[in-house]
C-alpha atoms as a PDB file:
ATOM      1  CA  MET A   1      94.834  69.989  83.021  1.00  0.00           C
ATOM      2  CA  SER A   2      97.702  67.659  82.148  1.00  0.00           C
ATOM      3  CA  GLU A   3      96.310  67.607  78.601  1.00  0.00           C
ATOM      4  CA  VAL A   4      97.294  71.248  78.032  1.00  0.00           C
ATOM      5  CA  ASP A   5      99.893  71.339  75.244  1.00  0.00           C
ATOM      6  CA  THR A   6     102.536  73.561  76.820  1.00  0.00           C
ATOM      7  CA  LEU A   7     104.501  73.546  73.547  1.00  0.00           C
ATOM      8  CA  ARG A   8     101.742  75.787  72.174  1.00  0.00           C
ATOM      9  CA  ILE A   9     102.109  78.303  75.014  1.00  0.00           C
ATOM     10  CA  ASP A  10     104.626  81.072  74.374  1.00  0.00           C
ATOM     11  CA  TYR A  11     105.108  82.258  77.938  1.00  0.00           C
ATOM     12  CA  PRO A  12     107.193  80.462  80.612  1.00  0.00           C
ATOM     13  CA  LYS A  13     105.305  82.213  83.431  1.00  0.00           C
ATOM     14  CA  VAL A  14     101.988  80.819  82.175  1.00  0.00           C
ATOM     15  CA  LYS A  15     103.500  77.317  81.989  1.00  0.00           C
ATOM     16  CA  ASP A  16     104.886  77.687  85.518  1.00  0.00           C
ATOM     17  CA  TYR A  17     101.511  78.887  86.797  1.00  0.00           C
ATOM     18  CA  LEU A  18      99.783  75.860  85.280  1.00  0.00           C
ATOM     19  CA  LYS A  19     102.369  73.520  86.819  1.00  0.00           C
ATOM     20  CA  ARG A  20     101.894  75.186  90.205  1.00  0.00           C
ATOM     21  CA  GLN A  21      98.133  74.725  90.007  1.00  0.00           C
ATOM     22  CA  MET A  22      98.521  71.009  89.316  1.00  0.00           C
ATOM     23  CA  ALA A  23     101.118  70.644  92.076  1.00  0.00           C
ATOM     24  CA  GLU A  24      98.549  72.137  94.463  1.00  0.00           C
ATOM     25  CA  GLY A  25      96.084  69.388  93.529  1.00  0.00           C
ATOM     26  CA  LEU A  26      94.071  71.116  90.803  1.00  0.00           C
ATOM     27  CA  GLN A  27      94.140  68.249  88.339  1.00  0.00           C
ATOM     28  CA  THR A  28      91.088  69.175  86.252  1.00  0.00           C
ATOM     29  CA  PHE A  29      89.573  72.457  85.144  1.00  0.00           C
ATOM     30  CA  ASP A  30      86.467  71.516  87.110  1.00  0.00           C
ATOM     31  CA  ASN A  31      88.582  72.081  90.230  1.00  0.00           C
ATOM     32  CA  LEU A  32      89.128  75.729  89.345  1.00  0.00           C
ATOM     33  CA  LYS A  33      86.902  78.250  91.081  1.00  0.00           C
ATOM     34  CA  PRO A  34      86.416  82.008  90.632  1.00  0.00           C
ATOM     35  CA  SER A  35      87.878  83.916  93.564  1.00  0.00           C
ATOM     36  CA  PHE A  36      84.792  86.128  93.828  1.00  0.00           C
ATOM     37  CA  GLN A  37      81.849  83.909  94.704  1.00  0.00           C
ATOM     38  CA  PRO A  38      78.169  84.931  94.581  1.00  0.00           C
ATOM     39  CA  GLY A  39      77.253  86.462  97.917  1.00  0.00           C
ATOM     40  CA  SER A  40      80.791  87.673  98.684  1.00  0.00           C
ATOM     41  CA  ASN A  41      80.896  90.898 100.670  1.00  0.00           C
ATOM     42  CA  ILE A  42      82.002  93.607  98.240  1.00  0.00           C
ATOM     43  CA  GLU A  43      83.112  95.773 101.163  1.00  0.00           C
ATOM     44  CA  ASP A  44      86.040  93.385 101.726  1.00  0.00           C
ATOM     45  CA  TYR A  45      87.605  94.544  98.438  1.00  0.00           C
ATOM     46  CA  HIS A  46      89.319  97.670  97.166  1.00  0.00           C
ATOM     47  CA  VAL A  47      87.618  99.224  94.142  1.00  0.00           C
ATOM     48  CA  ILE A  48      88.837 101.082  91.047  1.00  0.00           C
ATOM     49  CA  ASP A  49      86.413 102.915  88.757  1.00  0.00           C
ATOM     50  CA  ARG A  50      87.561 103.983  85.264  1.00  0.00           C
ATOM     51  CA  GLU A  51      85.675 105.220  82.206  1.00  0.00           C
ATOM     52  CA  PHE A  52      86.305 104.870  78.478  1.00  0.00           C
ATOM     53  CA  HIS A  53      84.477 106.454  75.547  1.00  0.00           C
ATOM     54  CA  VAL A  54      83.945 104.936  72.112  1.00  0.00           C
ATOM     55  CA  LYS A  55      82.531 107.064  69.284  1.00  0.00           C
ATOM     56  CA  ASP A  56      79.829 104.717  68.116  1.00  0.00           C
ATOM     57  CA  SER A  57      76.490 103.269  69.129  1.00  0.00           C
ATOM     58  CA  LEU A  58      75.907 101.102  72.168  1.00  0.00           C
ATOM     59  CA  GLU A  59      74.813  98.106  70.102  1.00  0.00           C
ATOM     60  CA  LYS A  60      77.893  98.201  67.861  1.00  0.00           C
ATOM     61  CA  VAL A  61      80.344  98.564  70.724  1.00  0.00           C
ATOM     62  CA  TRP A  62      78.610  95.916  72.851  1.00  0.00           C
ATOM     63  CA  ASN A  63      78.649  93.438  69.966  1.00  0.00           C
ATOM     64  CA  ASP A  64      82.321  94.125  69.270  1.00  0.00           C
ATOM     65  CA  TYR A  65      83.329  93.462  72.868  1.00  0.00           C
ATOM     66  CA  LEU A  66      81.446  90.179  72.760  1.00  0.00           C
ATOM     67  CA  ASN A  67      82.576  89.050  69.320  1.00  0.00           C
ATOM     68  CA  THR A  68      86.146  90.217  68.785  1.00  0.00           C
ATOM     69  CA  VAL A  69      88.486  87.214  68.600  1.00  0.00           C
ATOM     70  CA  LEU A  70      89.649  86.566  72.170  1.00  0.00           C
ATOM     71  CA  GLN A  71      93.226  85.885  71.087  1.00  0.00           C
ATOM     72  CA  GLU A  72      93.352  89.348  69.479  1.00  0.00           C
ATOM     73  CA  SER A  73      91.579  91.371  72.156  1.00  0.00           C
ATOM     74  CA  TRP A  74      93.974  90.157  74.882  1.00  0.00           C
ATOM     75  CA  ASN A  75      97.150  90.679  72.862  1.00  0.00           C
ATOM     76  CA  THR A  76      99.034  93.960  73.425  1.00  0.00           C
ATOM     77  CA  LYS A  77     102.573  95.072  74.264  1.00  0.00           C
ATOM     78  CA  LYS A  78     101.902  94.353  77.930  1.00  0.00           C
ATOM     79  CA  ILE A  79      99.394  91.494  77.680  1.00  0.00           C
ATOM     80  CA  GLY A  80     100.074  88.144  76.031  1.00  0.00           C
ATOM     81  CA  PHE A  81      97.465  85.442  75.424  1.00  0.00           C
ATOM     82  CA  GLY A  82      98.579  82.116  76.900  1.00  0.00           C
ATOM     83  CA  PHE A  83      95.646  79.774  76.348  1.00  0.00           C
ATOM     84  CA  CYS A  84      92.046  79.322  77.406  1.00  0.00           C
ATOM     85  CA  TYR A  85      89.666  76.570  78.369  1.00  0.00           C
ATOM     86  CA  SER A  86      85.944  76.442  77.613  1.00  0.00           C
ATOM     87  CA  ARG A  87      83.864  74.798  80.317  1.00  0.00           C
ATOM     88  CA  ASN A  88      80.878  74.639  77.972  1.00  0.00           C
ATOM     89  CA  LYS A  89      82.714  72.797  75.209  1.00  0.00           C
ATOM     90  CA  ASP A  90      85.362  71.094  77.360  1.00  0.00           C
ATOM     91  CA  SER A  91      87.945  72.352  74.869  1.00  0.00           C
ATOM     92  CA  LEU A  92      91.329  74.051  74.935  1.00  0.00           C
ATOM     93  CA  TYR A  93      92.305  76.983  72.693  1.00  0.00           C
ATOM     94  CA  TYR A  94      95.742  78.426  72.041  1.00  0.00           C
ATOM     95  CA  ALA A  95      97.147  81.624  70.517  1.00  0.00           C
ATOM     96  CA  ASN A  96      96.824  80.369  66.942  1.00  0.00           C
ATOM     97  CA  ASP A  97      93.188  79.329  67.413  1.00  0.00           C
ATOM     98  CA  GLU A  98      90.207  81.660  67.303  1.00  0.00           C
ATOM     99  CA  VAL A  99      87.590  82.061  70.005  1.00  0.00           C
ATOM    100  CA  ARG A 100      85.209  84.441  68.254  1.00  0.00           C
ATOM    101  CA  THR A 101      82.599  84.959  70.972  1.00  0.00           C
ATOM    102  CA  ILE A 102      83.083  85.301  74.716  1.00  0.00           C
ATOM    103  CA  VAL A 103      80.641  83.430  76.938  1.00  0.00           C
ATOM    104  CA  PRO A 104      80.492  82.553  80.636  1.00  0.00           C
ATOM    105  CA  GLY A 105      82.703  79.597  81.426  1.00  0.00           C
ATOM    106  CA  LEU A 106      85.756  80.678  79.449  1.00  0.00           C
ATOM    107  CA  VAL A 107      88.890  80.418  81.598  1.00  0.00           C
ATOM    108  CA  VAL A 108      91.675  82.607  80.205  1.00  0.00           C
ATOM    109  CA  TYR A 109      95.398  82.502  81.048  1.00  0.00           C
ATOM    110  CA  LEU A 110      97.456  85.633  80.313  1.00  0.00           C
ATOM    111  CA  ASN A 111     101.058  86.759  80.571  1.00  0.00           C
ATOM    112  CA  LEU A 112     101.491  90.304  81.891  1.00  0.00           C
ATOM    113  CA  LYS A 113     104.531  92.545  81.461  1.00  0.00           C
ATOM    114  CA  VAL A 114     104.750  95.041  84.300  1.00  0.00           C
ATOM    115  CA  LEU A 115     107.249  97.539  85.710  1.00  0.00           C
ATOM    116  CA  PHE A 116     108.324  98.648  82.228  1.00  0.00           C
ATOM    117  CA  GLY A 117     108.713  95.061  81.092  1.00  0.00           C
ATOM    118  CA  MET A 118     111.222  94.198  83.812  1.00  0.00           C
ATOM    119  CA  LYS A 119     108.849  91.704  85.420  1.00  0.00           C
ATOM    120  CA  GLN A 120     106.457  89.189  83.921  1.00  0.00           C
ATOM    121  CA  LEU A 121     103.714  87.325  85.707  1.00  0.00           C
ATOM    122  CA  ALA A 122     100.846  85.007  84.845  1.00  0.00           C
ATOM    123  CA  VAL A 123      97.229  85.552  85.740  1.00  0.00           C
ATOM    124  CA  ALA A 124      94.041  83.628  85.020  1.00  0.00           C
ATOM    125  CA  PHE A 125      90.417  84.679  85.105  1.00  0.00           C
ATOM    126  CA  GLU A 126      87.025  83.230  84.253  1.00  0.00           C
ATOM    127  CA  ILE A 127      84.245  85.012  82.437  1.00  0.00           C
ATOM    128  CA  THR A 128      81.457  84.561  84.978  1.00  0.00           C
ATOM    129  CA  GLN A 129      78.539  86.606  83.653  1.00  0.00           C
ATOM    130  CA  ILE A 130      77.305  88.333  80.518  1.00  0.00           C
ATOM    131  CA  ASP A 131      74.092  90.319  80.916  1.00  0.00           C
ATOM    132  CA  PRO A 132      72.701  91.397  77.513  1.00  0.00           C
ATOM    133  CA  GLU A 133      69.850  93.324  79.131  1.00  0.00           C
ATOM    134  CA  ASP A 134      71.997  95.415  81.454  1.00  0.00           C
ATOM    135  CA  LYS A 135      74.929  95.369  78.982  1.00  0.00           C
ATOM    136  CA  MET A 136      77.439  94.045  81.499  1.00  0.00           C
ATOM    137  CA  ILE A 137      80.429  91.712  81.222  1.00  0.00           C
ATOM    138  CA  GLU A 138      81.932  90.243  84.403  1.00  0.00           C
ATOM    139  CA  PHE A 139      85.038  88.171  84.960  1.00  0.00           C
ATOM    140  CA  SER A 140      86.707  86.957  88.124  1.00  0.00           C
ATOM    141  CA  TYR A 141      90.303  86.129  88.903  1.00  0.00           C
ATOM    142  CA  LEU A 142      90.702  82.461  89.745  1.00  0.00           C
ATOM    143  CA  ALA A 143      91.067  81.461  93.372  1.00  0.00           C
ATOM    144  CA  GLY A 144      94.768  81.051  94.053  1.00  0.00           C
ATOM    145  CA  ASN A 145      95.888  84.068  92.006  1.00  0.00           C
ATOM    146  CA  GLU A 146      98.154  86.573  93.742  1.00  0.00           C
ATOM    147  CA  THR A 147      95.228  88.980  93.428  1.00  0.00           C
ATOM    148  CA  GLU A 148      91.602  87.991  93.978  1.00  0.00           C
ATOM    149  CA  GLY A 149      88.397  89.748  92.998  1.00  0.00           C
ATOM    150  CA  LYS A 150      86.381  90.558  89.908  1.00  0.00           C
ATOM    151  CA  GLN A 151      86.024  93.115  87.144  1.00  0.00           C
ATOM    152  CA  GLN A 152      82.828  94.402  85.579  1.00  0.00           C
ATOM    153  CA  LEU A 153      82.359  96.321  82.345  1.00  0.00           C
ATOM    154  CA  PHE A 154      79.146  98.310  81.980  1.00  0.00           C
ATOM    155  CA  PHE A 155      78.154  99.762  78.598  1.00  0.00           C
ATOM    156  CA  ARG A 156      75.887 102.815  78.426  1.00  0.00           C
ATOM    157  CA  PRO A 157      74.771 105.146  75.603  1.00  0.00           C
ATOM    158  CA  THR A 158      75.562 108.853  75.842  1.00  0.00           C
ATOM    159  CA  ASN A 159      73.369 111.711  74.680  1.00  0.00           C
ATOM    160  CA  LYS A 160      75.856 112.290  71.833  1.00  0.00           C
ATOM    161  CA  GLY A 161      75.292 108.834  70.377  1.00  0.00           C
ATOM    162  CA  SER A 162      78.583 107.382  71.601  1.00  0.00           C
ATOM    163  CA  THR A 163      79.177 104.665  74.212  1.00  0.00           C
ATOM    164  CA  LEU A 164      80.507 105.024  77.748  1.00  0.00           C
ATOM    165  CA  ILE A 165      82.256 101.966  79.189  1.00  0.00           C
ATOM    166  CA  THR A 166      82.587 101.927  82.968  1.00  0.00           C
ATOM    167  CA  HIS A 167      85.264  99.460  84.076  1.00  0.00           C
ATOM    168  CA  LEU A 168      84.935  98.516  87.765  1.00  0.00           C
ATOM    169  CA  SER A 169      87.618  96.445  89.472  1.00  0.00           C
ATOM    170  CA  TYR A 170      87.244  94.863  92.905  1.00  0.00           C
ATOM    171  CA  TYR A 171      90.503  93.450  94.211  1.00  0.00           C
ATOM    172  CA  ARG A 172      92.455  92.305  97.240  1.00  0.00           C
ATOM    173  CA  SER A 173      95.646  90.366  97.873  1.00  0.00           C
ATOM    174  CA  LYS A 174      97.614  89.006 100.806  1.00  0.00           C
ATOM    175  CA  SER A 175     100.187  91.758 100.429  1.00  0.00           C
ATOM    176  CA  LYS A 176      99.588  95.391 101.402  1.00  0.00           C
ATOM    177  CA  ALA A 177     102.455  96.403  99.124  1.00  0.00           C
ATOM    178  CA  ARG A 178     100.814  94.603  96.219  1.00  0.00           C
ATOM    179  CA  ASP A 179      97.476  96.248  96.991  1.00  0.00           C
ATOM    180  CA  LYS A 180      99.173  99.655  96.789  1.00  0.00           C
ATOM    181  CA  LEU A 181     100.896  98.804  93.495  1.00  0.00           C
ATOM    182  CA  TYR A 182      97.850  97.190  91.887  1.00  0.00           C
ATOM    183  CA  PRO A 183      96.016 100.413  90.833  1.00  0.00           C
ATOM    184  CA  LEU A 184      98.993 101.640  88.794  1.00  0.00           C
ATOM    185  CA  LEU A 185      99.617  98.311  87.070  1.00  0.00           C
ATOM    186  CA  HIS A 186      95.913  97.737  86.545  1.00  0.00           C
ATOM    187  CA  ALA A 187      95.453 101.156  84.922  1.00  0.00           C
ATOM    188  CA  GLN A 188      98.250 100.476  82.435  1.00  0.00           C
ATOM    189  CA  LEU A 189      96.870  97.073  81.490  1.00  0.00           C
ATOM    190  CA  ILE A 190      93.208  97.972  81.081  1.00  0.00           C
ATOM    191  CA  ASN A 191      94.125 101.143  79.192  1.00  0.00           C
ATOM    192  CA  GLN A 192      95.976  98.953  76.717  1.00  0.00           C
ATOM    193  CA  PHE A 193      93.100  96.495  76.533  1.00  0.00           C
ATOM    194  CA  HIS A 194      90.473  99.129  75.713  1.00  0.00           C
ATOM    195  CA  ARG A 195      92.832 100.939  73.316  1.00  0.00           C
ATOM    196  CA  ASN A 196      93.460  97.616  71.598  1.00  0.00           C
ATOM    197  CA  MET A 197      89.724  97.028  71.207  1.00  0.00           C
ATOM    198  CA  LYS A 198      89.386 100.431  69.537  1.00  0.00           C
ATOM    199  CA  LEU A 199      92.283  99.687  67.166  1.00  0.00           C
ATOM    200  CA  ILE A 200      90.941  96.266  66.199  1.00  0.00           C
ATOM    201  CA  ASN A 201      87.502  97.691  65.434  1.00  0.00           C
ATOM    202  CA  LYS A 202      88.501 101.203  64.272  1.00  0.00           C
ATOM    203  CA  ASP A 203      87.216 100.701  60.708  1.00  0.00           C
ATOM    204  CA  LYS A 204      83.730 100.092  62.120  1.00  0.00           C
ATOM    205  CA  TYR A 205      83.582 103.146  64.342  1.00  0.00           C
ATOM    206  CA  GLU A 206      82.737 106.735  63.514  1.00  0.00           C
ATOM    207  CA  GLN A 207      85.772 109.012  63.395  1.00  0.00           C
END
């Protein structure tokens, strides 16, 4: 982790988060673990269920979510791409690079602007599962984040030929106040993410 080039990271909070991880003894990316482990009891987490519609076929939308450049998909007014690490390739990628396909084992560091931009914080998650048969993408916050849990995106066709995306979020934190605030902040951030995906791929979709 000491090999991360912090000069290529635009966000102080992301740099501070990385420093804090190393200070806590996480010297390599192999030491990082998803906070939601297989077999975890889902009943121990709060859950948020939101739906998004895209006016195009399941296959097109699914492929776009898998193959839109990562640095573009996680780049909005409220979300800034810090850097990411690929476990599969043992490689680091920064904002000016291009990760064109998401796969399990990608660890992504983001900067979030919340409370109308008055507060910024860093968060990191790992893409833990992609199921092409069930059309599901899953990622988990890293252990040690302020919030722990996972998010799942399910893609389903509608009878009108469009695509329904169900975004499930399972979360918990050590703070009851943070748990109460999380749904509002989460809604703002994922709304921007899905809106951003539509904007990036709008020329491909039916109007």
